[in-house]
Amino acid sequence: HLSTRLVRGWTHLERQKGGIGLRGPGETQLETDRRLIGG
C-alpha cells in the first residue's frame, strides 16, 4: 500500500543526495525508498 504512496505525493523525496560524502550517481530519495521497500 505504501509503495503506491511514493508517487507524486512526497515532494521531499524527489531531492537528490548531495554534499560532502554524499555525492554519487544521483539516486533520488524517492528511488532509494522504492528500492528499499522493494527489497
PDB file of all heavy atoms in Angstrom:
ATOM      1  N   HIS A   1       0.832  -1.203   0.000  1.00  0.00           N
ATOM      2  CA  HIS A   1       0.000   0.000   0.000  1.00  0.00           C
ATOM      3  C   HIS A   1       0.865   1.252   0.000  1.00  0.00           C
ATOM      4  O   HIS A   1       0.601   2.206  -0.728  1.00  0.00           O
ATOM      5  CB  HIS A   1      -0.916  -0.023   1.219  1.00  0.00           C
ATOM      6  CG  HIS A   1      -1.925   1.085   1.254  1.00  0.00           C
ATOM      7  ND1 HIS A   1      -2.988   1.168   0.376  1.00  0.00           N
ATOM      8  CD2 HIS A   1      -2.019   2.181   2.049  1.00  0.00           C
ATOM      9  CE1 HIS A   1      -3.701   2.248   0.637  1.00  0.00           C
ATOM     10  NE2 HIS A   1      -3.127   2.884   1.638  1.00  0.00           N
ATOM     11  N   LEU A   2       1.937   1.246   0.811  1.00  0.00           N
ATOM     12  CA  LEU A   2       2.827   2.397   0.887  1.00  0.00           C
ATOM     13  C   LEU A   2       3.520   2.664  -0.439  1.00  0.00           C
ATOM     14  O   LEU A   2       3.730   3.822  -0.816  1.00  0.00           O
ATOM     15  CB  LEU A   2       3.875   2.168   1.980  1.00  0.00           C
ATOM     16  CG  LEU A   2       4.937   3.268   2.162  1.00  0.00           C
ATOM     17  CD1 LEU A   2       4.290   4.589   2.537  1.00  0.00           C
ATOM     18  CD2 LEU A   2       5.957   2.855   3.218  1.00  0.00           C
ATOM     19  N   SER A   3       3.870   1.597  -1.154  1.00  0.00           N
ATOM     20  CA  SER A   3       4.581   1.772  -2.426  1.00  0.00           C
ATOM     21  C   SER A   3       3.763   2.587  -3.419  1.00  0.00           C
ATOM     22  O   SER A   3       4.317   3.262  -4.278  1.00  0.00           O
ATOM     23  CB  SER A   3       4.952   0.417  -3.026  1.00  0.00           C
ATOM     24  OG  SER A   3       3.794  -0.319  -3.402  1.00  0.00           O
ATOM     25  N   THR A   4       2.434   2.531  -3.318  1.00  0.00           N
ATOM     26  CA  THR A   4       1.588   3.342  -4.199  1.00  0.00           C
ATOM     27  C   THR A   4       1.556   4.789  -3.752  1.00  0.00           C
ATOM     28  O   THR A   4       1.083   5.658  -4.475  1.00  0.00           O
ATOM     29  CB  THR A   4       0.151   2.796  -4.241  1.00  0.00           C
ATOM     30  OG1 THR A   4      -0.478   2.959  -2.959  1.00  0.00           O
ATOM     31  CG2 THR A   4       0.134   1.319  -4.601  1.00  0.00           C
ATOM     32  N   ARG A   5       2.022   5.051  -2.541  1.00  0.00           N
ATOM     33  CA  ARG A   5       2.039   6.410  -1.986  1.00  0.00           C
ATOM     34  C   ARG A   5       3.350   7.119  -2.240  1.00  0.00           C
ATOM     35  O   ARG A   5       3.514   8.268  -1.820  1.00  0.00           O
ATOM     36  CB  ARG A   5       1.792   6.377  -0.472  1.00  0.00           C
ATOM     37  CG  ARG A   5       0.359   6.487  -0.010  1.00  0.00           C
ATOM     38  CD  ARG A   5      -0.613   5.810  -0.632  1.00  0.00           C
ATOM     39  NE  ARG A   5      -1.976   6.214  -0.212  1.00  0.00           N
ATOM     40  CZ  ARG A   5      -3.068   5.879  -0.880  1.00  0.00           C
ATOM     41  NH1 ARG A   5      -2.987   5.168  -1.987  1.00  0.00           N
ATOM     42  NH2 ARG A   5      -4.251   6.265  -0.474  1.00  0.00           N
ATOM     43  N   LEU A   6       4.290   6.488  -2.927  1.00  0.00           N
ATOM     44  CA  LEU A   6       5.572   7.110  -3.200  1.00  0.00           C
ATOM     45  C   LEU A   6       5.595   7.810  -4.552  1.00  0.00           C
ATOM     46  O   LEU A   6       6.635   8.202  -5.033  1.00  0.00           O
ATOM     47  CB  LEU A   6       6.681   6.055  -3.167  1.00  0.00           C
ATOM     48  CG  LEU A   6       6.936   5.390  -1.811  1.00  0.00           C
ATOM     49  CD1 LEU A   6       8.056   4.375  -1.930  1.00  0.00           C
ATOM     50  CD2 LEU A   6       7.282   6.415  -0.752  1.00  0.00           C
ATOM     51  N   VAL A   7       4.451   7.947  -5.162  1.00  0.00           N
ATOM     52  CA  VAL A   7       4.368   8.576  -6.478  1.00  0.00           C
ATOM     53  C   VAL A   7       3.723   9.947  -6.351  1.00  0.00           C
ATOM     54  O   VAL A   7       2.553  10.048  -5.964  1.00  0.00           O
ATOM     55  CB  VAL A   7       3.559   7.707  -7.459  1.00  0.00           C
ATOM     56  CG1 VAL A   7       3.527   8.346  -8.824  1.00  0.00           C
ATOM     57  CG2 VAL A   7       4.153   6.307  -7.542  1.00  0.00           C
ATOM     58  N   ARG A   8       4.440  10.980  -6.591  1.00  0.00           N
ATOM     59  CA  ARG A   8       3.967  12.362  -6.652  1.00  0.00           C
ATOM     60  C   ARG A   8       3.456  12.903  -5.321  1.00  0.00           C
ATOM     61  O   ARG A   8       3.231  14.089  -5.186  1.00  0.00           O
ATOM     62  CB  ARG A   8       2.858  12.505  -7.704  1.00  0.00           C
ATOM     63  CG  ARG A   8       3.336  12.279  -9.138  1.00  0.00           C
ATOM     64  CD  ARG A   8       2.193  12.418 -10.100  1.00  0.00           C
ATOM     65  NE  ARG A   8       1.611  13.765 -10.027  1.00  0.00           N
ATOM     66  CZ  ARG A   8       0.454  14.116 -10.557  1.00  0.00           C
ATOM     67  NH1 ARG A   8      -0.265  13.210 -11.187  1.00  0.00           N
ATOM     68  NH2 ARG A   8       0.011  15.345 -10.444  1.00  0.00           N
ATOM     69  N   GLY A   9       3.299  12.067  -4.350  1.00  0.00           N
ATOM     70  CA  GLY A   9       2.732  12.552  -3.106  1.00  0.00           C
ATOM     71  C   GLY A   9       3.756  13.084  -2.136  1.00  0.00           C
ATOM     72  O   GLY A   9       3.403  13.769  -1.194  1.00  0.00           O
ATOM     73  N   TRP A  10       4.997  12.792  -2.297  1.00  0.00           N
ATOM     74  CA  TRP A  10       6.019  13.138  -1.331  1.00  0.00           C
ATOM     75  C   TRP A  10       7.106  13.954  -2.020  1.00  0.00           C
ATOM     76  O   TRP A  10       8.120  13.452  -2.462  1.00  0.00           O
ATOM     77  CB  TRP A  10       6.616  11.871  -0.717  1.00  0.00           C
ATOM     78  CG  TRP A  10       5.585  10.968  -0.148  1.00  0.00           C
ATOM     79  CD1 TRP A  10       4.870  10.027  -0.838  1.00  0.00           C
ATOM     80  CD2 TRP A  10       5.142  10.915   1.192  1.00  0.00           C
ATOM     81  NE1 TRP A  10       4.013   9.391   0.000  1.00  0.00           N
ATOM     82  CE2 TRP A  10       4.147   9.910   1.260  1.00  0.00           C
ATOM     83  CE3 TRP A  10       5.472  11.625   2.355  1.00  0.00           C
ATOM     84  CZ2 TRP A  10       3.495   9.594   2.434  1.00  0.00           C
ATOM     85  CZ3 TRP A  10       4.818  11.309   3.525  1.00  0.00           C
ATOM     86  CH2 TRP A  10       3.838  10.315   3.558  1.00  0.00           C
ATOM     87  N   THR A  11       6.930  15.250  -2.107  1.00  0.00           N
ATOM     88  CA  THR A  11       7.829  16.102  -2.874  1.00  0.00           C
ATOM     89  C   THR A  11       9.233  16.109  -2.308  1.00  0.00           C
ATOM     90  O   THR A  11      10.199  16.264  -3.057  1.00  0.00           O
ATOM     91  CB  THR A  11       7.286  17.534  -2.911  1.00  0.00           C
ATOM     92  OG1 THR A  11       7.066  17.985  -1.559  1.00  0.00           O
ATOM     93  CG2 THR A  11       5.965  17.589  -3.672  1.00  0.00           C
ATOM     94  N   HIS A  12       9.386  15.935  -0.991  1.00  0.00           N
ATOM     95  CA  HIS A  12      10.712  15.965  -0.397  1.00  0.00           C
ATOM     96  C   HIS A  12      11.568  14.780  -0.808  1.00  0.00           C
ATOM     97  O   HIS A  12      12.783  14.804  -0.688  1.00  0.00           O
ATOM     98  CB  HIS A  12      10.617  16.035   1.127  1.00  0.00           C
ATOM     99  CG  HIS A  12      10.104  14.780   1.757  1.00  0.00           C
ATOM    100  ND1 HIS A  12       8.803  14.376   1.628  1.00  0.00           N
ATOM    101  CD2 HIS A  12      10.716  13.822   2.497  1.00  0.00           C
ATOM    102  CE1 HIS A  12       8.628  13.244   2.280  1.00  0.00           C
ATOM    103  NE2 HIS A  12       9.774  12.880   2.819  1.00  0.00           N
ATOM    104  N   LEU A  13      10.913  13.731  -1.310  1.00  0.00           N
ATOM    105  CA  LEU A  13      11.650  12.546  -1.723  1.00  0.00           C
ATOM    106  C   LEU A  13      12.274  12.704  -3.105  1.00  0.00           C
ATOM    107  O   LEU A  13      13.031  11.846  -3.541  1.00  0.00           O
ATOM    108  CB  LEU A  13      10.737  11.314  -1.701  1.00  0.00           C
ATOM    109  CG  LEU A  13      10.178  10.913  -0.339  1.00  0.00           C
ATOM    110  CD1 LEU A  13       9.339   9.658  -0.473  1.00  0.00           C
ATOM    111  CD2 LEU A  13      11.281  10.698   0.680  1.00  0.00           C
ATOM    112  N   GLU A  14      11.935  13.762  -3.811  1.00  0.00           N
ATOM    113  CA  GLU A  14      12.470  13.966  -5.150  1.00  0.00           C
ATOM    114  C   GLU A  14      13.869  14.595  -5.130  1.00  0.00           C
ATOM    115  O   GLU A  14      14.542  14.641  -6.143  1.00  0.00           O
ATOM    116  CB  GLU A  14      11.522  14.858  -5.974  1.00  0.00           C
ATOM    117  CG  GLU A  14      10.146  14.238  -6.214  1.00  0.00           C
ATOM    118  CD  GLU A  14      10.197  13.027  -7.136  1.00  0.00           C
ATOM    119  OE1 GLU A  14      11.267  12.767  -7.746  1.00  0.00           O
ATOM    120  OE2 GLU A  14       9.185  12.329  -7.231  1.00  0.00           O
ATOM    121  N   ARG A  15      14.283  15.126  -3.967  1.00  0.00           N
ATOM    122  CA  ARG A  15      15.584  15.772  -3.891  1.00  0.00           C
ATOM    123  C   ARG A  15      16.704  14.746  -4.010  1.00  0.00           C
ATOM    124  O   ARG A  15      16.627  13.657  -3.411  1.00  0.00           O
ATOM    125  CB  ARG A  15      15.729  16.544  -2.574  1.00  0.00           C
ATOM    126  CG  ARG A  15      14.791  17.716  -2.431  1.00  0.00           C
ATOM    127  CD  ARG A  15      15.227  18.586  -1.252  1.00  0.00           C
ATOM    128  NE  ARG A  15      15.142  17.853   0.004  1.00  0.00           N
ATOM    129  CZ  ARG A  15      14.079  17.868   0.814  1.00  0.00           C
ATOM    130  NH1 ARG A  15      13.020  18.557   0.470  1.00  0.00           N
ATOM    131  NH2 ARG A  15      14.080  17.198   1.940  1.00  0.00           N
ATOM    132  N   GLN A  16      17.717  15.058  -4.768  1.00  0.00           N
ATOM    133  CA  GLN A  16      18.864  14.181  -4.895  1.00  0.00           C
ATOM    134  C   GLN A  16      19.816  14.401  -3.736  1.00  0.00           C
ATOM    135  O   GLN A  16      19.916  15.484  -3.176  1.00  0.00           O
ATOM    136  CB  GLN A  16      19.604  14.422  -6.221  1.00  0.00           C
ATOM    137  CG  GLN A  16      18.819  13.946  -7.429  1.00  0.00           C
ATOM    138  CD  GLN A  16      19.667  13.948  -8.689  1.00  0.00           C
ATOM    139  OE1 GLN A  16      20.776  14.448  -8.708  1.00  0.00           O
ATOM    140  NE2 GLN A  16      19.153  13.361  -9.752  1.00  0.00           N
ATOM    141  N   LYS A  17      20.495  13.333  -3.361  1.00  0.00           N
ATOM    142  CA  LYS A  17      21.534  13.435  -2.356  1.00  0.00           C
ATOM    143  C   LYS A  17      22.663  14.309  -2.876  1.00  0.00           C
ATOM    144  O   LYS A  17      22.978  14.305  -4.060  1.00  0.00           O
ATOM    145  CB  LYS A  17      22.082  12.050  -2.002  1.00  0.00           C
ATOM    146  CG  LYS A  17      21.078  11.104  -1.370  1.00  0.00           C
ATOM    147  CD  LYS A  17      21.702   9.744  -1.150  1.00  0.00           C
ATOM    148  CE  LYS A  17      20.728   8.770  -0.557  1.00  0.00           C
ATOM    149  NZ  LYS A  17      21.314   7.420  -0.383  1.00  0.00           N
ATOM    150  N   GLY A  18      23.295  15.047  -2.008  1.00  0.00           N
ATOM    151  CA  GLY A  18      24.432  15.861  -2.414  1.00  0.00           C
ATOM    152  C   GLY A  18      25.251  16.265  -1.217  1.00  0.00           C
ATOM    153  O   GLY A  18      24.963  15.895  -0.083  1.00  0.00           O
ATOM    154  N   GLY A  19      26.321  17.011  -1.465  1.00  0.00           N
ATOM    155  CA  GLY A  19      27.167  17.441  -0.378  1.00  0.00           C
ATOM    156  C   GLY A  19      28.341  16.515  -0.174  1.00  0.00           C
ATOM    157  O   GLY A  19      28.465  15.465  -0.798  1.00  0.00           O
ATOM    158  N   ILE A  20      29.219  16.918   0.748  1.00  0.00           N
ATOM    159  CA  ILE A  20      30.455  16.170   1.012  1.00  0.00           C
ATOM    160  C   ILE A  20      30.114  14.772   1.507  1.00  0.00           C
ATOM    161  O   ILE A  20      29.362  14.597   2.464  1.00  0.00           O
ATOM    162  CB  ILE A  20      31.324  16.918   2.031  1.00  0.00           C
ATOM    163  CG1 ILE A  20      31.753  18.271   1.472  1.00  0.00           C
ATOM    164  CG2 ILE A  20      32.559  16.091   2.403  1.00  0.00           C
ATOM    165  CD1 ILE A  20      32.481  19.139   2.452  1.00  0.00           C
ATOM    166  N   GLY A  21      30.704  13.800   0.852  1.00  0.00           N
ATOM    167  CA  GLY A  21      30.497  12.407   1.225  1.00  0.00           C
ATOM    168  C   GLY A  21      29.207  11.796   0.750  1.00  0.00           C
ATOM    169  O   GLY A  21      28.954  10.613   0.979  1.00  0.00           O
ATOM    170  N   LEU A  22      28.376  12.609   0.118  1.00  0.00           N
ATOM    171  CA  LEU A  22      27.068  12.118  -0.324  1.00  0.00           C
ATOM    172  C   LEU A  22      26.890  12.181  -1.830  1.00  0.00           C
ATOM    173  O   LEU A  22      25.826  11.860  -2.335  1.00  0.00           O
ATOM    174  CB  LEU A  22      25.940  12.905   0.358  1.00  0.00           C
ATOM    175  CG  LEU A  22      25.830  12.743   1.876  1.00  0.00           C
ATOM    176  CD1 LEU A  22      24.745  13.663   2.419  1.00  0.00           C
ATOM    177  CD2 LEU A  22      25.531  11.295   2.252  1.00  0.00           C
ATOM    178  N   ARG A  23      27.936  12.662  -2.533  1.00  0.00           N
ATOM    179  CA  ARG A  23      27.825  12.724  -3.982  1.00  0.00           C
ATOM    180  C   ARG A  23      27.923  11.330  -4.565  1.00  0.00           C
ATOM    181  O   ARG A  23      28.741  10.528  -4.145  1.00  0.00           O
ATOM    182  CB  ARG A  23      28.917  13.623  -4.551  1.00  0.00           C
ATOM    183  CG  ARG A  23      28.809  15.088  -4.115  1.00  0.00           C
ATOM    184  CD  ARG A  23      29.835  15.945  -4.833  1.00  0.00           C
ATOM    185  NE  ARG A  23      29.755  17.338  -4.394  1.00  0.00           N
ATOM    186  CZ  ARG A  23      30.470  17.855  -3.410  1.00  0.00           C
ATOM    187  NH1 ARG A  23      31.340  17.086  -2.768  1.00  0.00           N
ATOM    188  NH2 ARG A  23      30.340  19.133  -3.078  1.00  0.00           N
ATOM    189  N   GLY A  24      27.110  11.046  -5.527  1.00  0.00           N
ATOM    190  CA  GLY A  24      27.114   9.727  -6.122  1.00  0.00           C
ATOM    191  C   GLY A  24      26.439   9.728  -7.465  1.00  0.00           C
ATOM    192  O   GLY A  24      26.470  10.734  -8.186  1.00  0.00           O
ATOM    193  N   PRO A  25      25.829   8.629  -7.815  1.00  0.00           N
ATOM    194  CA  PRO A  25      25.211   8.530  -9.141  1.00  0.00           C
ATOM    195  C   PRO A  25      23.954   9.368  -9.290  1.00  0.00           C
ATOM    196  O   PRO A  25      23.356   9.391 -10.358  1.00  0.00           O
ATOM    197  CB  PRO A  25      24.888   7.032  -9.255  1.00  0.00           C
ATOM    198  CG  PRO A  25      24.742   6.572  -7.849  1.00  0.00           C
ATOM    199  CD  PRO A  25      25.715   7.388  -7.046  1.00  0.00           C
ATOM    200  N   GLY A  26      23.528  10.045  -8.245  1.00  0.00           N
ATOM    201  CA  GLY A  26      22.370  10.916  -8.367  1.00  0.00           C
ATOM    202  C   GLY A  26      21.046  10.239  -8.104  1.00  0.00           C
ATOM    203  O   GLY A  26      20.011  10.667  -8.608  1.00  0.00           O
ATOM    204  N   GLU A  27      21.051   9.156  -7.312  1.00  0.00           N
ATOM    205  CA  GLU A  27      19.816   8.470  -6.963  1.00  0.00           C
ATOM    206  C   GLU A  27      18.963   9.379  -6.083  1.00  0.00           C
ATOM    207  O   GLU A  27      19.432   9.925  -5.087  1.00  0.00           O
ATOM    208  CB  GLU A  27      20.111   7.162  -6.229  1.00  0.00           C
ATOM    209  CG  GLU A  27      18.863   6.356  -5.912  1.00  0.00           C
ATOM    210  CD  GLU A  27      19.175   5.041  -5.207  1.00  0.00           C
ATOM    211  OE1 GLU A  27      19.992   5.055  -4.284  1.00  0.00           O
ATOM    212  OE2 GLU A  27      18.614   4.021  -5.596  1.00  0.00           O
ATOM    213  N   THR A  28      17.735   9.586  -6.444  1.00  0.00           N
ATOM    214  CA  THR A  28      16.842  10.392  -5.625  1.00  0.00           C
ATOM    215  C   THR A  28      16.409   9.615  -4.392  1.00  0.00           C
ATOM    216  O   THR A  28      16.465   8.381  -4.352  1.00  0.00           O
ATOM    217  CB  THR A  28      15.594  10.818  -6.412  1.00  0.00           C
ATOM    218  OG1 THR A  28      14.813   9.655  -6.727  1.00  0.00           O
ATOM    219  CG2 THR A  28      15.971  11.549  -7.681  1.00  0.00           C
ATOM    220  N   GLN A  29      15.925  10.351  -3.383  1.00  0.00           N
ATOM    221  CA  GLN A  29      15.415   9.708  -2.183  1.00  0.00           C
ATOM    222  C   GLN A  29      14.205   8.848  -2.504  1.00  0.00           C
ATOM    223  O   GLN A  29      13.993   7.793  -1.916  1.00  0.00           O
ATOM    224  CB  GLN A  29      15.053  10.751  -1.128  1.00  0.00           C
ATOM    225  CG  GLN A  29      14.673  10.164   0.225  1.00  0.00           C
ATOM    226  CD  GLN A  29      15.812   9.402   0.860  1.00  0.00           C
ATOM    227  OE1 GLN A  29      16.936   9.893   0.890  1.00  0.00           O
ATOM    228  NE2 GLN A  29      15.542   8.202   1.353  1.00  0.00           N
ATOM    229  N   LEU A  30      13.405   9.301  -3.476  1.00  0.00           N
ATOM    230  CA  LEU A  30      12.252   8.521  -3.906  1.00  0.00           C
ATOM    231  C   LEU A  30      12.686   7.161  -4.449  1.00  0.00           C
ATOM    232  O   LEU A  30      12.113   6.123  -4.106  1.00  0.00           O
ATOM    233  CB  LEU A  30      11.467   9.288  -4.970  1.00  0.00           C
ATOM    234  CG  LEU A  30      10.253   8.588  -5.595  1.00  0.00           C
ATOM    235  CD1 LEU A  30       9.239   8.228  -4.532  1.00  0.00           C
ATOM    236  CD2 LEU A  30       9.612   9.469  -6.661  1.00  0.00           C
ATOM    237  N   GLU A  31      13.724   7.176  -5.303  1.00  0.00           N
ATOM    238  CA  GLU A  31      14.225   5.925  -5.866  1.00  0.00           C
ATOM    239  C   GLU A  31      14.806   5.024  -4.787  1.00  0.00           C
ATOM    240  O   GLU A  31      14.651   3.804  -4.821  1.00  0.00           O
ATOM    241  CB  GLU A  31      15.272   6.231  -6.942  1.00  0.00           C
ATOM    242  CG  GLU A  31      14.677   6.846  -8.206  1.00  0.00           C
ATOM    243  CD  GLU A  31      15.742   7.442  -9.119  1.00  0.00           C
ATOM    244  OE1 GLU A  31      16.871   7.698  -8.617  1.00  0.00           O
ATOM    245  OE2 GLU A  31      15.449   7.687 -10.304  1.00  0.00           O
ATOM    246  N   THR A  32      15.517   5.637  -3.827  1.00  0.00           N
ATOM    247  CA  THR A  32      16.072   4.873  -2.720  1.00  0.00           C
ATOM    248  C   THR A  32      14.967   4.197  -1.913  1.00  0.00           C
ATOM    249  O   THR A  32      15.050   3.011  -1.583  1.00  0.00           O
ATOM    250  CB  THR A  32      16.901   5.783  -1.797  1.00  0.00           C
ATOM    251  OG1 THR A  32      17.945   6.381  -2.537  1.00  0.00           O
ATOM    252  CG2 THR A  32      17.502   4.988  -0.641  1.00  0.00           C
ATOM    253  N   ASP A  33      13.906   4.952  -1.597  1.00  0.00           N
ATOM    254  CA  ASP A  33      12.798   4.394  -0.829  1.00  0.00           C
ATOM    255  C   ASP A  33      12.105   3.273  -1.586  1.00  0.00           C
ATOM    256  O   ASP A  33      11.739   2.252  -1.004  1.00  0.00           O
ATOM    257  CB  ASP A  33      11.795   5.497  -0.490  1.00  0.00           C
ATOM    258  CG  ASP A  33      12.245   6.334   0.701  1.00  0.00           C
ATOM    259  OD1 ASP A  33      13.453   6.414   0.939  1.00  0.00           O
ATOM    260  OD2 ASP A  33      11.387   6.886   1.395  1.00  0.00           O
ATOM    261  N   ARG A  34      11.919   3.475  -2.893  1.00  0.00           N
ATOM    262  CA  ARG A  34      11.320   2.417  -3.707  1.00  0.00           C
ATOM    263  C   ARG A  34      12.160   1.145  -3.656  1.00  0.00           C
ATOM    264  O   ARG A  34      11.633   0.033  -3.523  1.00  0.00           O
ATOM    265  CB  ARG A  34      11.183   2.882  -5.149  1.00  0.00           C
ATOM    266  CG  ARG A  34       9.986   3.782  -5.411  1.00  0.00           C
ATOM    267  CD  ARG A  34      10.029   4.266  -6.840  1.00  0.00           C
ATOM    268  NE  ARG A  34       8.859   5.054  -7.193  1.00  0.00           N
ATOM    269  CZ  ARG A  34       8.833   5.859  -8.235  1.00  0.00           C
ATOM    270  NH1 ARG A  34       9.894   6.003  -9.019  1.00  0.00           N
ATOM    271  NH2 ARG A  34       7.722   6.555  -8.491  1.00  0.00           N
ATOM    272  N   ARG A  35      13.492   1.327  -3.771  1.00  0.00           N
ATOM    273  CA  ARG A  35      14.390   0.168  -3.769  1.00  0.00           C
ATOM    274  C   ARG A  35      14.363  -0.550  -2.422  1.00  0.00           C
ATOM    275  O   ARG A  35      14.306  -1.783  -2.363  1.00  0.00           O
ATOM    276  CB  ARG A  35      15.812   0.626  -4.099  1.00  0.00           C
ATOM    277  CG  ARG A  35      16.861  -0.485  -4.084  1.00  0.00           C
ATOM    278  CD  ARG A  35      18.177   0.003  -4.705  1.00  0.00           C
ATOM    279  NE  ARG A  35      18.606   1.272  -4.145  1.00  0.00           N
ATOM    280  CZ  ARG A  35      19.199   1.400  -2.959  1.00  0.00           C
ATOM    281  NH1 ARG A  35      19.400   0.330  -2.205  1.00  0.00           N
ATOM    282  NH2 ARG A  35      19.578   2.601  -2.516  1.00  0.00           N
ATOM    283  N   LEU A  36      14.382   0.222  -1.339  1.00  0.00           N
ATOM    284  CA  LEU A  36      14.367  -0.369  -0.007  1.00  0.00           C
ATOM    285  C   LEU A  36      13.055  -1.100   0.268  1.00  0.00           C
ATOM    286  O   LEU A  36      13.039  -2.191   0.825  1.00  0.00           O
ATOM    287  CB  LEU A  36      14.604   0.709   1.053  1.00  0.00           C
ATOM    288  CG  LEU A  36      15.998   1.338   1.082  1.00  0.00           C
ATOM    289  CD1 LEU A  36      16.045   2.501   2.059  1.00  0.00           C
ATOM    290  CD2 LEU A  36      17.054   0.295   1.451  1.00  0.00           C
ATOM    291  N   ILE A  37      11.944  -0.475  -0.136  1.00  0.00           N
ATOM    292  CA  ILE A  37      10.639  -1.112   0.050  1.00  0.00           C
ATOM    293  C   ILE A  37      10.544  -2.380  -0.788  1.00  0.00           C
ATOM    294  O   ILE A  37      10.063  -3.419  -0.323  1.00  0.00           O
ATOM    295  CB  ILE A  37       9.502  -0.130  -0.292  1.00  0.00           C
ATOM    296  CG1 ILE A  37       9.389   0.941   0.789  1.00  0.00           C
ATOM    297  CG2 ILE A  37       8.167  -0.871  -0.445  1.00  0.00           C
ATOM    298  CD1 ILE A  37       8.373   2.023   0.484  1.00  0.00           C
ATOM    299  N   GLY A  38      11.027  -2.302  -2.044  1.00  0.00           N
ATOM    300  CA  GLY A  38      11.016  -3.485  -2.911  1.00  0.00           C
ATOM    301  C   GLY A  38      11.815  -4.626  -2.324  1.00  0.00           C
ATOM    302  O   GLY A  38      11.407  -5.795  -2.369  1.00  0.00           O
ATOM    303  N   GLY A  39      12.977  -4.310  -1.728  1.00  0.00           N
ATOM    304  CA  GLY A  39      13.809  -5.332  -1.105  1.00  0.00           C
ATOM    305  C   GLY A  39      13.124  -5.976   0.089  1.00  0.00           C
ATOM    306  O   GLY A  39      13.184  -7.195   0.279  1.00  0.00           O
TER     307      GLY A  39
END
